[in-house]
Amino acid sequence: MSDIDIARKAKKKPIQEIGARLNIPAEDLLPFGHDKAKVSETFIKSIESRPNGHLILVTAINPTPAGEGKTTTTVGLGDGLNAIGKKAAICIREASLGPCFGMKGGAAGGGYAQVVPMEDMNLHFTGDFHAITSAHNLLAAMLDNHVYWGNEQEVDIRRIAFRRVMDMNDRALREIVCNLGGVANGFPREAGFDITVASEVMAILCLATDLADLEKRLGDIIVGYRRDRSPVYCRDIKADGAMTVLLQQAMQPNLVQTLENNPAFVHGGPFANIAHGCNSVVATTTALKLADYVVTEAGFGADLGAEKFFDIKCRKAGLSPSAVVLVATVRAMKMNGGVAKADLGPENVEAVKAGCANLGRHIENVKKFGVPLVVGINHFVTDTDAEVAAIMDYCTALGVDAVLNKHWAEGGAGIRETAEKVVSLCEGGTAAFKPLYPAEMGLFEKIETIATEIYRADAVVADKKIHDQLKQWEAQGYGDLPVCMAKTQYSFSTDPNLRGAPTGHSLPVREVRLSAGAGFVVAICGEIMTMPGLPRVPSAESICINADGQIDGLF
């Protein structure tokens, strides 16, 4: 059966029963139908003094068209931990409409390791992304309106730094000219759109601890600069209060369930290639107060998602992960070893061995953060024993356990061994988490550290204007911020076609953006776009409602 067929056959329980598994009173759940709900801020505040459970990160090798299964493993591991008698919850990210209608990218897992309701999760869900889009564009509208009605803050329209957003892939909106049509429509200027996931408002919602922190961070957004280069903030435009109102409900984490009726918090944006791509701080910290084991994910490969999880989310939220599961597949190893997607079927042990260099580099990188790990091999039916053994032998040589997981086909029962190893790592107490770089390091030096230590680049290439901009932000008091790298997810380099574990490459930084409210600096590298485009044949062409009123073509 397909993922959507499996999801439709799920025996879901009322969301109040799922909340009761975590001792969340029914009155503290704001239901959206019978199978999803938001958790009230009042309840979250009431449990702040409780001790934390163990935090487990699921990350992966660089993604390939062959598939890795990071979210599937996250869901499966949560089910597996519950299957061995542990009180566990999962924390995953919400889906963007862009990839759902573009290249069939969802965020609910797959097979018998899914979160349901799957169709809702991959479409409008509880409206969080719409609220973020509205709040972001409210600020953009109020900024242009402020300039139109006299420009009291003396915003230099040549230096407006705040773009608009929408939750859809639309390359036509990357660069635009707005305010055309004469005096009544304002002052023409260059502008553009990013996808909602890349919005600073999204990052703020993901990193804020409560509504008060949310409003302060929104007020800290720099929307542009005056002629004297002094920053103009969101609070100067007086938009922070209204934005907070729009985001009040979106700030509350969403509670749903897995196919095995285990609790799942789904909150925050994906895309660790152009954003920090983590489940929200408020969802993760809430889960840690309610469960003994919390399994969360970070976007794309460990070079992007895990690095940002450690250096941005954990640093900002004071989190200390206990263990990491690094996901790999035989198929992806073959692709990293030079095999084309069409030729992945036949056994090719040598290609698997060659491709393991990518896995090895991720293992080395995770170890740099002081967190113990286990490699989870996500099983495909075409895998042979010899190919799986090649990965296991490779990991053993590096001093890391590797386990074959069959959660896609068997649910929690198919990942019990990994669950037991994760418990052992957590209870062993060997984690000594530390970020990659200290906060006091200079901004460009932080970029260099990530480039050389994580990507294995020889050098960072950046124009003088980028160096000058970073120095200016340091002088303004932003030097202690972490860096959020925007880079292709398909390679350690900025060339998406360079698979494996490349060396001898440089990291070109073409632009830097200050996200003062979110609390990081974005470095845009290579040809990466903050507004994706649709493929030649978008998935939207085959999505429809069938004669039975069901959605077809989504997955």
Protein backbone atom coordinates (compact mmCIF):
# COMPACT_ATOMS: atom_id res chain seq x y z
CA MET A 1 0.00 0.00 0.00
CA SER A 2 1.03 3.61 -0.53
CA ASP A 3 1.73 5.96 2.38
CA ILE A 4 -1.63 7.65 1.98
CA ASP A 5 -3.48 4.29 1.85
CA ILE A 6 -1.78 3.24 5.09
CA ALA A 7 -2.62 6.56 6.71
CA ARG A 8 -6.29 6.28 5.75
CA LYS A 9 -6.55 2.91 7.47
CA ALA A 10 -5.15 4.29 10.73
CA LYS A 11 -7.16 3.59 13.86
CA LYS A 12 -6.81 7.04 15.36
CA LYS A 13 -7.77 7.79 18.93
CA PRO A 14 -9.44 11.02 20.06
CA ILE A 15 -6.77 13.63 20.65
CA GLN A 16 -7.83 13.95 24.29
CA GLU A 17 -6.71 10.33 24.82
CA ILE A 18 -3.32 11.11 23.27
CA GLY A 19 -2.98 14.12 25.56
CA ALA A 20 -3.87 11.95 28.54
CA ARG A 21 -0.88 9.72 27.70
CA LEU A 22 1.24 12.74 28.66
CA ASN A 23 -1.05 13.87 31.48
CA ILE A 24 -2.28 16.91 29.56
CA PRO A 25 -5.78 17.77 30.83
CA ALA A 26 -8.49 17.90 28.16
CA GLU A 27 -9.25 21.51 29.04
CA ASP A 28 -5.67 22.46 28.08
CA LEU A 29 -6.13 21.15 24.55
CA LEU A 30 -7.59 23.38 21.84
CA PRO A 31 -9.00 20.78 19.43
CA PHE A 32 -8.89 21.09 15.65
CA GLY A 33 -11.38 18.37 14.81
CA HIS A 34 -11.05 15.05 16.65
CA ASP A 35 -7.44 14.15 15.83
CA LYS A 36 -5.30 17.25 16.40
CA ALA A 37 -5.08 19.98 18.99
CA LYS A 38 -2.97 22.83 20.26
CA VAL A 39 -1.53 22.77 23.79
CA SER A 40 -2.38 25.83 25.87
CA GLU A 41 0.27 28.29 27.00
CA THR A 42 -1.19 28.10 30.52
CA PHE A 43 -0.41 24.39 30.75
CA ILE A 44 3.07 24.84 29.28
CA LYS A 45 3.84 27.49 31.90
CA SER A 46 2.61 25.19 34.66
CA ILE A 47 5.19 22.47 33.92
CA GLU A 48 8.27 24.66 33.48
CA SER A 49 9.85 23.54 36.76
CA ARG A 50 9.76 19.83 35.90
CA PRO A 51 13.04 18.07 35.02
CA ASN A 52 13.84 17.31 31.39
CA GLY A 53 13.80 13.89 29.80
CA HIS A 54 16.46 12.74 27.34
CA LEU A 55 16.66 14.55 24.00
CA ILE A 56 17.55 12.44 20.94
CA LEU A 57 18.33 13.98 17.57
CA VAL A 58 17.66 12.15 14.31
CA THR A 59 19.75 13.46 11.43
CA ALA A 60 21.01 11.99 8.16
CA ILE A 61 23.57 11.84 5.40
CA ASN A 62 23.24 14.30 2.50
CA PRO A 63 19.91 13.69 0.77
CA THR A 64 19.80 11.95 -2.61
CA PRO A 65 16.99 11.11 -5.03
CA ALA A 66 17.25 7.57 -3.62
CA GLY A 67 15.78 8.70 -0.29
CA GLU A 68 17.03 8.51 3.29
CA GLY A 69 13.98 8.48 5.59
CA LYS A 70 14.89 10.86 8.41
CA THR A 71 11.34 11.75 9.43
CA THR A 72 10.26 8.13 9.00
CA THR A 73 13.05 7.09 11.36
CA THR A 74 12.10 9.81 13.86
CA VAL A 75 8.52 8.56 13.96
CA GLY A 76 9.58 4.91 13.99
CA LEU A 77 12.04 5.45 16.83
CA GLY A 78 9.37 7.15 18.92
CA ASP A 79 7.13 4.15 18.37
CA GLY A 80 10.04 1.79 19.06
CA LEU A 81 10.86 3.44 22.38
CA ASN A 82 7.23 3.13 23.44
CA ALA A 83 7.25 -0.49 22.26
CA ILE A 84 10.07 -1.33 24.70
CA GLY A 85 8.17 0.27 27.56
CA LYS A 86 9.59 3.77 27.59
CA LYS A 87 7.53 6.96 27.87
CA ALA A 88 8.48 8.70 24.63
CA ALA A 89 7.22 11.48 22.40
CA ILE A 90 8.38 12.79 19.06
CA CYS A 91 8.86 16.37 17.88
CA ILE A 92 8.86 16.99 14.14
CA ARG A 93 8.43 19.98 11.87
CA GLU A 94 5.42 21.13 9.88
CA ALA A 95 5.23 20.76 6.10
CA SER A 96 5.56 23.61 3.62
CA LEU A 97 3.08 23.69 0.75
CA GLY A 98 5.94 24.49 -1.65
CA PRO A 99 7.48 20.99 -1.85
CA CYS A 100 4.09 19.27 -1.43
CA PHE A 101 2.92 20.83 -4.70
CA GLY A 102 6.39 20.89 -6.21
CA MET A 103 8.45 17.73 -5.80
CA LYS A 104 6.31 15.46 -3.61
CA GLY A 105 8.03 16.42 -0.39
CA GLY A 106 6.05 15.74 2.77
CA ALA A 107 6.76 15.87 6.47
CA ALA A 108 4.73 13.08 8.07
CA GLY A 109 7.00 10.05 7.68
CA GLY A 110 6.09 7.03 5.59
CA GLY A 111 4.93 3.42 5.52
CA TYR A 112 4.00 2.19 9.00
CA ALA A 113 6.03 4.96 10.66
CA GLN A 114 3.78 7.95 10.03
CA VAL A 115 2.13 10.77 11.88
CA VAL A 116 -1.58 11.22 11.20
CA PRO A 117 -3.75 12.87 9.95
CA MET A 118 -1.26 12.81 7.08
CA GLU A 119 -3.26 14.80 4.51
CA ASP A 120 -3.99 17.59 6.99
CA MET A 121 -0.38 17.74 8.10
CA ASN A 122 0.88 18.16 4.56
CA LEU A 123 -1.69 20.80 3.63
CA HIS A 124 -3.13 23.56 5.84
CA PHE A 125 -2.85 21.67 9.15
CA THR A 126 -3.81 24.13 11.95
CA GLY A 127 -2.98 27.26 9.94
CA ASP A 128 0.37 28.09 11.55
CA PHE A 129 2.13 28.84 8.26
CA HIS A 130 -0.74 31.04 7.14
CA ALA A 131 -0.49 33.01 10.40
CA ILE A 132 3.26 33.42 9.96
CA THR A 133 2.79 34.55 6.36
CA SER A 134 0.14 37.06 7.42
CA ALA A 135 2.19 38.44 10.30
CA HIS A 136 5.27 38.78 8.12
CA ASN A 137 3.41 40.54 5.31
CA LEU A 138 1.60 42.79 7.78
CA LEU A 139 4.99 44.20 8.75
CA ALA A 140 5.94 44.59 5.08
CA ALA A 141 2.69 46.45 4.38
CA MET A 142 3.06 48.69 7.44
CA LEU A 143 6.63 49.53 6.43
CA ASP A 144 5.61 50.68 2.94
CA ASN A 145 2.65 52.49 4.47
CA HIS A 146 4.95 54.27 6.93
CA VAL A 147 7.12 55.50 4.07
CA TYR A 148 4.05 56.61 2.11
CA TRP A 149 2.61 58.69 4.97
CA GLY A 150 5.63 60.91 5.56
CA ASN A 151 8.39 58.47 6.58
CA GLU A 152 8.79 59.71 10.15
CA GLN A 153 11.57 57.17 10.76
CA GLU A 154 13.47 58.44 7.70
CA VAL A 155 13.76 54.97 6.18
CA ASP A 156 16.07 54.97 3.16
CA ILE A 157 13.98 53.07 0.61
CA ARG A 158 17.20 51.96 -1.10
CA ARG A 159 18.12 50.12 2.09
CA ILE A 160 14.87 48.35 2.98
CA ALA A 161 15.95 44.88 4.10
CA PHE A 162 12.58 43.21 4.69
CA ARG A 163 11.15 41.12 1.86
CA ARG A 164 7.66 39.64 1.57
CA VAL A 165 6.90 35.90 1.81
CA MET A 166 4.44 33.27 0.64
CA ASP A 167 4.24 29.52 1.32
CA MET A 168 4.60 28.40 -2.27
CA ASN A 169 7.42 27.87 -4.76
CA ASP A 170 7.25 30.82 -7.17
CA ARG A 171 10.46 31.84 -8.91
CA ALA A 172 8.68 34.75 -10.65
CA LEU A 173 8.52 36.58 -7.32
CA ARG A 174 12.19 36.26 -6.34
CA GLU A 175 13.00 39.77 -7.54
CA ILE A 176 10.27 42.33 -8.21
CA VAL A 177 9.62 46.07 -8.38
CA CYS A 178 6.75 47.19 -6.16
CA ASN A 179 4.73 50.38 -5.63
CA LEU A 180 4.28 51.02 -9.36
CA GLY A 181 1.26 52.92 -10.66
CA GLY A 182 1.80 56.52 -9.68
CA VAL A 183 1.76 58.73 -6.61
CA ALA A 184 -1.22 57.02 -4.95
CA ASN A 185 0.65 53.71 -4.76
CA GLY A 186 3.83 54.87 -3.05
CA PHE A 187 7.49 55.08 -3.97
CA PRO A 188 8.71 52.46 -6.48
CA ARG A 189 11.54 50.26 -5.25
CA GLU A 190 13.16 46.90 -5.78
CA ALA A 191 11.79 44.11 -3.58
CA GLY A 192 11.22 40.38 -3.60
CA PHE A 193 9.64 37.33 -1.99
CA ASP A 194 11.08 34.47 0.03
CA ILE A 195 9.23 31.27 0.86
CA THR A 196 7.52 31.46 4.27
CA VAL A 197 9.86 28.85 5.72
CA ALA A 198 12.79 31.28 5.20
CA SER A 199 10.95 34.11 6.97
CA GLU A 200 12.58 35.61 10.04
CA VAL A 201 9.12 35.51 11.60
CA MET A 202 9.16 31.72 11.17
CA ALA A 203 12.56 31.52 12.87
CA ILE A 204 11.34 33.74 15.69
CA LEU A 205 8.28 31.58 16.32
CA CYS A 206 10.54 28.51 16.37
CA LEU A 207 13.04 30.01 18.82
CA ALA A 208 10.78 32.08 21.11
CA THR A 209 10.02 30.68 24.56
CA ASP A 210 6.64 32.34 25.12
CA LEU A 211 4.42 35.17 23.85
CA ALA A 212 6.38 37.88 25.67
CA ASP A 213 9.63 36.63 24.15
CA LEU A 214 7.91 36.37 20.77
CA GLU A 215 6.79 40.02 20.86
CA LYS A 216 10.23 41.23 21.94
CA ARG A 217 11.93 39.29 19.15
CA LEU A 218 9.43 40.58 16.59
CA GLY A 219 10.20 44.11 17.74
CA ASP A 220 13.92 43.41 17.21
CA ILE A 221 13.48 42.68 13.48
CA ILE A 222 15.51 45.14 11.42
CA VAL A 223 13.35 46.21 8.47
CA GLY A 224 15.78 48.65 6.89
CA TYR A 225 18.26 51.44 7.45
CA ARG A 226 18.32 55.23 7.44
CA ARG A 227 20.71 57.29 5.33
CA ASP A 228 23.13 57.36 8.25
CA ARG A 229 23.05 53.51 8.22
CA SER A 230 21.30 53.33 11.62
CA PRO A 231 18.79 50.44 11.77
CA VAL A 232 15.02 50.82 11.71
CA TYR A 233 13.27 48.17 13.80
CA CYS A 234 9.85 46.57 13.60
CA ARG A 235 8.94 48.29 16.88
CA ASP A 236 9.73 51.67 15.24
CA ILE A 237 7.00 50.88 12.71
CA LYS A 238 4.75 49.79 15.63
CA ALA A 239 3.88 46.45 14.04
CA ASP A 240 5.12 44.09 16.76
CA GLY A 241 1.91 44.10 18.82
CA ALA A 242 -0.41 43.30 15.93
CA MET A 243 1.98 40.62 14.64
CA THR A 244 1.93 38.96 18.04
CA VAL A 245 -1.87 38.93 17.95
CA LEU A 246 -1.80 37.14 14.60
CA LEU A 247 0.71 34.61 15.97
CA GLN A 248 -0.88 33.99 19.37
CA GLN A 249 -2.53 30.70 18.43
CA ALA A 250 0.27 29.66 16.06
CA MET A 251 2.70 29.90 18.98
CA GLN A 252 0.94 26.97 20.70
CA PRO A 253 2.42 23.56 19.77
CA ASN A 254 0.31 21.07 17.81
CA LEU A 255 -0.36 17.62 19.28
CA VAL A 256 -1.17 14.71 16.97
CA GLN A 257 -0.41 10.96 17.00
CA THR A 258 1.56 8.27 15.21
CA LEU A 259 -0.06 5.26 13.56
CA GLU A 260 0.62 3.44 16.84
CA ASN A 261 -1.20 6.17 18.80
CA ASN A 262 1.90 7.64 20.39
CA PRO A 263 2.10 11.40 21.01
CA ALA A 264 3.71 13.65 18.43
CA PHE A 265 4.33 17.40 18.66
CA VAL A 266 4.38 18.96 15.19
CA HIS A 267 5.46 22.59 15.24
CA GLY A 268 7.89 24.81 13.34
CA GLY A 269 9.30 25.02 9.86
CA PRO A 270 11.47 22.72 7.73
CA PHE A 271 14.18 23.60 5.16
CA ALA A 272 17.55 23.52 6.96
CA ASN A 273 19.15 24.51 3.66
CA ILE A 274 17.77 28.08 3.83
CA ALA A 275 16.47 28.25 7.43
CA HIS A 276 17.51 26.70 10.74
CA GLY A 277 14.96 23.96 10.08
CA CYS A 278 14.15 22.65 13.57
CA ASN A 279 11.06 21.83 15.58
CA SER A 280 10.11 24.80 17.76
CA VAL A 281 11.81 25.38 21.09
CA VAL A 282 8.46 25.56 22.88
CA ALA A 283 7.34 22.20 21.45
CA THR A 284 10.63 20.47 22.24
CA THR A 285 10.91 21.85 25.77
CA THR A 286 7.26 21.00 26.48
CA ALA A 287 7.80 17.42 25.32
CA LEU A 288 10.94 17.14 27.48
CA LYS A 289 8.85 17.98 30.57
CA LEU A 290 6.22 15.36 29.70
CA ALA A 291 8.20 12.38 28.39
CA ASP A 292 11.32 10.51 29.48
CA TYR A 293 12.60 10.31 25.89
CA VAL A 294 11.99 12.91 23.19
CA VAL A 295 12.95 12.16 19.60
CA THR A 296 13.32 15.17 17.31
CA GLU A 297 14.67 15.79 13.83
CA ALA A 298 16.67 18.46 12.04
CA GLY A 299 16.38 19.20 8.34
CA PHE A 300 18.39 17.59 5.52
CA GLY A 301 21.90 16.23 6.18
CA ALA A 302 23.87 16.56 9.40
CA ASP A 303 26.10 19.20 7.77
CA LEU A 304 23.10 21.56 7.71
CA GLY A 305 20.33 20.38 10.05
CA ALA A 306 22.39 18.90 12.87
CA GLU A 307 24.91 21.76 12.83
CA LYS A 308 22.12 24.32 13.14
CA PHE A 309 20.30 22.23 15.74
CA PHE A 310 23.45 22.20 17.88
CA ASP A 311 24.84 25.67 17.20
CA ILE A 312 21.58 27.64 17.05
CA LYS A 313 18.68 25.82 18.72
CA CYS A 314 20.53 24.03 21.53
CA ARG A 315 22.74 27.05 22.21
CA LYS A 316 19.78 29.46 22.33
CA ALA A 317 17.44 27.18 24.31
CA GLY A 318 20.02 25.69 26.68
CA LEU A 319 19.34 22.15 25.48
CA SER A 320 21.80 19.25 25.93
CA PRO A 321 21.05 16.29 23.64
CA SER A 322 21.84 12.82 24.97
CA ALA A 323 22.20 10.88 21.71
CA VAL A 324 22.08 11.09 17.91
CA VAL A 325 20.72 8.67 15.33
CA LEU A 326 22.37 9.20 11.94
CA VAL A 327 20.20 7.82 9.12
CA ALA A 328 21.66 6.24 5.98
CA THR A 329 20.45 3.88 3.27
CA VAL A 330 22.15 1.37 1.02
CA ARG A 331 20.63 3.11 -1.98
CA ALA A 332 22.04 6.50 -0.98
CA MET A 333 25.47 4.97 -0.39
CA LYS A 334 25.38 3.62 -3.94
CA MET A 335 24.50 7.04 -5.34
CA ASN A 336 27.30 8.63 -3.35
CA GLY A 337 29.51 5.88 -4.78
CA GLY A 338 28.68 6.95 -8.35
CA VAL A 339 25.67 4.79 -9.27
CA ALA A 340 22.84 6.45 -11.19
CA LYS A 341 19.33 6.31 -9.73
CA ALA A 342 18.12 4.05 -12.54
CA ASP A 343 20.83 1.49 -11.74
CA LEU A 344 20.31 1.16 -7.97
CA GLY A 345 18.54 -2.22 -8.12
CA PRO A 346 21.39 -4.72 -8.69
CA GLU A 347 23.78 -5.52 -5.85
CA ASN A 348 26.89 -3.33 -5.90
CA VAL A 349 28.93 -3.71 -2.72
CA GLU A 350 31.89 -1.76 -4.08
CA ALA A 351 29.69 1.27 -4.78
CA VAL A 352 28.29 1.04 -1.23
CA LYS A 353 31.83 1.02 0.16
CA ALA A 354 32.81 3.98 -2.01
CA GLY A 355 29.72 5.94 -0.94
CA CYS A 356 30.35 5.34 2.76
CA ALA A 357 32.81 8.24 2.71
CA ASN A 358 29.80 10.57 2.93
CA LEU A 359 28.48 8.71 5.97
CA GLY A 360 31.93 8.73 7.55
CA ARG A 361 32.26 12.47 7.29
CA HIS A 362 28.90 12.98 8.97
CA ILE A 363 29.94 10.61 11.76
CA GLU A 364 33.12 12.63 12.29
CA ASN A 365 31.13 15.88 12.32
CA VAL A 366 28.58 14.69 14.88
CA LYS A 367 31.37 13.55 17.18
CA LYS A 368 32.74 17.10 17.19
CA PHE A 369 29.70 18.18 19.20
CA GLY A 370 30.37 15.65 21.97
CA VAL A 371 27.17 13.63 21.54
CA PRO A 372 27.27 9.80 21.16
CA LEU A 373 25.60 8.35 18.09
CA VAL A 374 24.32 5.21 16.42
CA VAL A 375 23.84 4.79 12.67
CA GLY A 376 20.35 3.73 11.61
CA ILE A 377 20.25 1.95 8.25
CA ASN A 378 16.80 2.55 6.80
CA HIS A 379 15.90 -0.71 5.06
CA PHE A 380 14.69 -1.01 1.48
CA VAL A 381 13.47 -4.33 0.05
CA THR A 382 16.17 -4.22 -2.65
CA ASP A 383 18.99 -4.15 -0.08
CA THR A 384 21.16 -7.27 0.02
CA ASP A 385 22.82 -8.73 3.09
CA ALA A 386 26.26 -8.04 1.64
CA GLU A 387 25.45 -4.36 1.03
CA VAL A 388 24.09 -3.89 4.55
CA ALA A 389 27.13 -5.67 5.97
CA ALA A 390 29.41 -3.28 4.09
CA ILE A 391 27.87 -0.29 5.90
CA MET A 392 27.97 -2.06 9.26
CA ASP A 393 31.62 -3.02 8.81
CA TYR A 394 32.49 0.54 7.82
CA CYS A 395 30.81 1.93 10.94
CA THR A 396 32.43 -0.67 13.20
CA ALA A 397 35.84 0.44 11.92
CA LEU A 398 34.94 3.97 13.05
CA GLY A 399 33.85 2.76 16.49
CA VAL A 400 30.13 3.35 15.88
CA ASP A 401 27.28 0.84 16.03
CA ALA A 402 25.03 0.50 12.98
CA VAL A 403 21.60 -1.15 13.07
CA LEU A 404 19.31 -2.23 10.25
CA ASN A 405 15.87 -0.70 10.82
CA LYS A 406 12.62 -1.96 9.26
CA HIS A 407 10.18 0.53 10.77
CA TRP A 408 8.77 1.52 7.34
CA ALA A 409 7.35 -1.99 6.93
CA GLU A 410 6.95 -3.05 10.57
CA GLY A 411 6.42 0.13 12.59
CA GLY A 412 7.89 0.34 16.09
CA ALA A 413 8.62 -3.39 16.17
CA GLY A 414 11.06 -2.97 13.30
CA ILE A 415 13.32 -0.51 15.15
CA ARG A 416 13.43 -1.99 18.66
CA GLU A 417 17.15 -2.72 18.55
CA THR A 418 17.96 0.91 17.72
CA ALA A 419 15.59 2.04 20.48
CA GLU A 420 17.45 -0.14 22.98
CA LYS A 421 20.83 1.22 21.83
CA VAL A 422 19.54 4.78 22.12
CA VAL A 423 18.38 4.10 25.68
CA SER A 424 21.81 2.68 26.46
CA LEU A 425 23.52 5.78 25.06
CA CYS A 426 21.22 8.08 27.03
CA GLU A 427 21.55 6.19 30.28
CA GLY A 428 25.30 5.82 29.78
CA GLY A 429 25.70 9.54 30.41
CA THR A 430 28.63 9.95 28.03
CA ALA A 431 27.18 12.98 26.24
CA ALA A 432 29.26 16.11 26.72
CA PHE A 433 27.55 18.49 24.33
CA LYS A 434 29.40 21.57 23.17
CA PRO A 435 28.75 23.92 20.22
CA LEU A 436 31.23 24.01 17.36
CA TYR A 437 32.39 27.57 18.07
CA PRO A 438 32.23 30.04 20.98
CA ALA A 439 29.78 32.95 20.89
CA GLU A 440 32.59 35.49 21.17
CA MET A 441 34.25 34.35 17.91
CA GLY A 442 33.98 36.90 15.07
CA LEU A 443 31.14 36.44 12.56
CA PHE A 444 33.35 35.72 9.55
CA GLU A 445 35.47 33.37 11.66
CA LYS A 446 32.28 31.47 12.55
CA ILE A 447 31.49 31.09 8.85
CA GLU A 448 35.05 29.89 8.25
CA THR A 449 34.82 27.42 11.13
CA ILE A 450 31.66 25.81 9.76
CA ALA A 451 33.11 25.79 6.23
CA THR A 452 36.37 24.15 7.21
CA GLU A 453 35.29 21.92 10.09
CA ILE A 454 31.93 20.71 8.74
CA TYR A 455 32.09 21.14 4.94
CA ARG A 456 35.88 20.56 4.72
CA ALA A 457 36.26 23.60 2.45
CA ASP A 458 39.76 24.96 1.92
CA ALA A 459 38.65 28.59 2.15
CA VAL A 460 35.70 30.98 2.28
CA VAL A 461 35.42 33.41 -0.63
CA ALA A 462 33.61 36.68 0.12
CA ASP A 463 33.71 40.22 -1.26
CA LYS A 464 34.98 43.13 0.79
CA LYS A 465 31.40 44.40 1.17
CA ILE A 466 30.50 41.20 3.02
CA HIS A 467 33.49 41.51 5.35
CA ASP A 468 32.59 45.17 5.96
CA GLN A 469 28.94 44.33 6.64
CA LEU A 470 29.87 41.68 9.19
CA LYS A 471 32.27 44.07 10.91
CA GLN A 472 29.54 46.71 11.04
CA TRP A 473 27.12 44.27 12.69
CA GLU A 474 29.80 43.34 15.20
CA ALA A 475 30.24 47.02 16.03
CA GLN A 476 26.48 47.29 16.56
CA GLY A 477 26.56 44.50 19.15
CA TYR A 478 25.58 41.49 17.03
CA GLY A 479 28.97 39.79 17.02
CA ASP A 480 27.94 37.09 19.50
CA LEU A 481 25.18 35.71 17.24
CA PRO A 482 25.50 32.25 15.68
CA VAL A 483 25.53 31.81 11.91
CA CYS A 484 22.78 30.13 9.86
CA MET A 485 24.27 28.84 6.61
CA ALA A 486 22.09 28.82 3.48
CA LYS A 487 23.61 26.23 1.15
CA THR A 488 22.63 23.37 -1.12
CA GLN A 489 21.62 20.30 0.86
CA TYR A 490 22.89 17.82 -1.72
CA SER A 491 26.62 18.20 -1.11
CA PHE A 492 29.17 19.22 1.47
CA SER A 493 30.22 21.78 -1.16
CA THR A 494 28.06 24.39 -2.89
CA ASP A 495 27.92 22.21 -6.03
CA PRO A 496 24.79 20.04 -5.71
CA ASN A 497 26.24 17.47 -8.10
CA LEU A 498 29.40 16.87 -6.06
CA ARG A 499 28.44 13.85 -3.96
CA GLY A 500 30.46 11.78 -1.53
CA ALA A 501 33.00 13.54 0.68
CA PRO A 502 34.59 16.19 -1.54
CA THR A 503 37.72 18.12 -0.63
CA GLY A 504 39.62 20.88 -2.36
CA HIS A 505 36.58 23.15 -2.72
CA SER A 506 35.91 26.68 -1.50
CA LEU A 507 32.75 28.18 -0.01
CA PRO A 508 31.54 31.29 -1.89
CA VAL A 509 29.41 33.60 0.28
CA ARG A 510 27.38 35.93 -1.95
CA GLU A 511 25.21 37.66 0.65
CA VAL A 512 24.72 38.00 4.41
CA ARG A 513 21.49 38.93 6.19
CA LEU A 514 21.01 39.93 9.81
CA SER A 515 18.07 38.26 11.55
CA ALA A 516 18.30 40.31 14.73
CA GLY A 517 14.94 39.12 16.08
CA ALA A 518 15.66 35.45 15.50
CA GLY A 519 19.16 35.94 16.83
CA PHE A 520 21.42 34.76 14.02
CA VAL A 521 23.22 35.92 10.87
CA VAL A 522 22.34 34.20 7.59
CA ALA A 523 25.19 33.49 5.14
CA ILE A 524 23.86 32.75 1.65
CA CYS A 525 26.33 30.53 -0.20
CA GLY A 526 26.67 29.54 -3.83
CA GLU A 527 23.52 29.48 -5.96
CA ILE A 528 21.03 28.60 -3.21
CA MET A 529 17.65 30.39 -3.48
CA THR A 530 15.46 31.54 -0.59
CA MET A 531 12.46 31.28 -2.92
CA PRO A 532 12.44 27.87 -4.66
CA GLY A 533 10.85 27.24 -8.06
CA LEU A 534 8.53 24.50 -9.25
CA PRO A 535 10.00 21.61 -11.31
CA ARG A 536 9.16 21.00 -14.96
CA VAL A 537 6.31 18.69 -13.91
CA PRO A 538 5.08 19.84 -10.48
CA SER A 539 3.26 17.39 -8.23
CA ALA A 540 0.29 19.77 -8.26
CA GLU A 541 -0.57 18.55 -11.76
CA SER A 542 -1.65 15.17 -10.39
CA ILE A 543 -3.34 16.26 -7.14
CA CYS A 544 -7.13 16.23 -7.12
CA ILE A 545 -10.23 15.13 -5.20
CA ASN A 546 -11.58 11.79 -6.40
CA ALA A 547 -15.18 10.62 -6.71
CA ASP A 548 -15.15 9.46 -3.08
CA GLY A 549 -14.16 12.92 -1.86
CA GLN A 550 -10.63 11.79 -1.03
CA ILE A 551 -7.40 13.53 -2.01
CA ASP A 552 -5.50 11.75 -4.77
CA GLY A 553 -1.94 12.37 -5.92
CA LEU A 554 -0.62 13.95 -2.73
CA PHE A 555 1.60 10.92 -1.95
